[in-house]
Amino acid sequence: MAELKTRIDSLEARLAELKARKARIDARKRTVESRRERKEDARRKILLGATLQQQIAAGAIDNATVHTWLDTALARTDDRALFGLPPRDPSG
């Protein structure tokens, strides 16, 4: 009977080890996927910006229109400064 208890304890310990290993592998997979998604998102934004710049340079899109879009969309002072926009009035 003691031998059976020892075997069960051994198997339970092994199961706990395997579950912990699986949890680490799953966490690593989520991290890799998250990094991949962030990289793809950044690449999409860069390509969209480059395309928009080309369209502005070609005259297909009016620069004033883009400036209005940015003025509406950007809230952070440093982001606005990057495009030559004044800081937003804090009173709204």
Protein backbone atom coordinates (compact mmCIF):
# COMPACT_ATOMS: atom_id res chain seq x y z
CA MET A 1 0.00 0.00 0.00
CA ALA A 2 2.87 2.38 0.81
CA GLU A 3 4.39 1.56 -2.57
CA LEU A 4 1.15 2.59 -4.30
CA LYS A 5 1.04 5.85 -2.32
CA THR A 6 4.65 6.58 -3.32
CA ARG A 7 3.82 5.90 -6.97
CA ILE A 8 0.75 8.17 -6.84
CA ASP A 9 2.78 10.94 -5.19
CA SER A 10 5.46 10.56 -7.84
CA LEU A 11 2.91 10.73 -10.67
CA GLU A 12 1.18 13.75 -9.11
CA ALA A 13 4.51 15.55 -8.85
CA ARG A 14 5.27 14.73 -12.48
CA LEU A 15 1.81 15.98 -13.51
CA ALA A 16 2.42 19.24 -11.64
CA GLU A 17 5.78 19.63 -13.41
CA LEU A 18 4.19 18.99 -16.81
CA LYS A 19 1.38 21.47 -16.12
CA ALA A 20 3.91 24.11 -15.10
CA ARG A 21 5.93 23.42 -18.25
CA LYS A 22 2.81 23.70 -20.40
CA ALA A 23 1.92 26.99 -18.71
CA ARG A 24 5.41 28.36 -19.50
CA ILE A 25 5.15 27.23 -23.12
CA ASP A 26 1.70 28.79 -23.47
CA ALA A 27 2.93 32.05 -21.94
CA ARG A 28 5.89 32.09 -24.35
CA LYS A 29 3.54 31.52 -27.30
CA ARG A 30 1.33 34.41 -26.19
CA THR A 31 4.38 36.66 -25.85
CA VAL A 32 5.65 35.76 -29.31
CA GLU A 33 2.19 36.29 -30.84
CA SER A 34 1.81 39.64 -29.09
CA ARG A 35 5.20 40.81 -30.35
CA ARG A 36 4.35 39.68 -33.87
CA GLU A 37 1.03 41.53 -33.78
CA ARG A 38 2.70 44.73 -32.52
CA LYS A 39 5.33 44.52 -35.26
CA GLU A 40 2.67 44.02 -37.92
CA ASP A 41 0.63 46.93 -36.54
CA ALA A 42 3.69 49.20 -36.59
CA ARG A 43 4.49 48.12 -40.15
CA ARG A 44 0.90 48.83 -41.27
CA LYS A 45 1.10 52.31 -39.75
CA ILE A 46 4.42 53.04 -41.42
CA LEU A 47 3.17 51.86 -44.81
CA LEU A 48 -0.08 53.81 -44.44
CA GLY A 49 1.87 56.95 -43.53
CA ALA A 50 4.24 56.51 -46.45
CA THR A 51 1.34 55.99 -48.83
CA LEU A 52 -0.44 59.05 -47.48
CA GLN A 53 2.74 61.12 -47.90
CA GLN A 54 3.05 59.94 -51.50
CA GLN A 55 -0.56 60.85 -52.22
CA ILE A 56 -0.07 64.32 -50.72
CA ALA A 57 3.11 64.82 -52.75
CA ALA A 58 1.28 63.72 -55.90
CA GLY A 59 -1.55 66.13 -55.17
CA ALA A 60 -4.14 63.36 -54.88
CA ILE A 61 -4.92 64.38 -51.31
CA ASP A 62 -4.96 67.97 -50.13
CA ASN A 63 -2.42 68.68 -47.40
CA ALA A 64 -4.93 70.94 -45.63
CA THR A 65 -7.36 68.03 -45.39
CA VAL A 66 -4.73 65.84 -43.76
CA HIS A 67 -3.80 68.70 -41.45
CA THR A 68 -7.46 68.95 -40.38
CA TRP A 69 -7.61 65.18 -39.78
CA LEU A 70 -4.50 65.36 -37.63
CA ASP A 71 -5.73 68.40 -35.73
CA THR A 72 -8.90 66.50 -34.87
CA ALA A 73 -7.23 63.17 -34.05
CA LEU A 74 -4.08 64.12 -32.15
CA ALA A 75 -4.32 65.07 -28.49
CA ARG A 76 -0.80 64.67 -27.07
CA THR A 77 1.26 67.85 -27.24
CA ASP A 78 4.38 66.09 -28.52
CA ASP A 79 2.40 64.31 -31.26
CA ARG A 80 0.80 67.59 -32.33
CA ALA A 81 4.19 69.36 -32.35
CA LEU A 82 5.55 66.69 -34.70
CA PHE A 83 3.06 67.88 -37.32
CA GLY A 84 3.40 71.59 -36.52
CA LEU A 85 0.10 71.77 -34.65
CA PRO A 86 -0.30 73.98 -31.58
CA PRO A 87 -1.04 72.37 -28.22
CA ARG A 88 -4.72 71.78 -27.56
CA ASP A 89 -6.53 74.21 -25.33
CA PRO A 90 -6.97 72.33 -22.02
CA SER A 91 -10.38 73.93 -21.50
CA GLY A 92 -11.66 71.97 -24.53
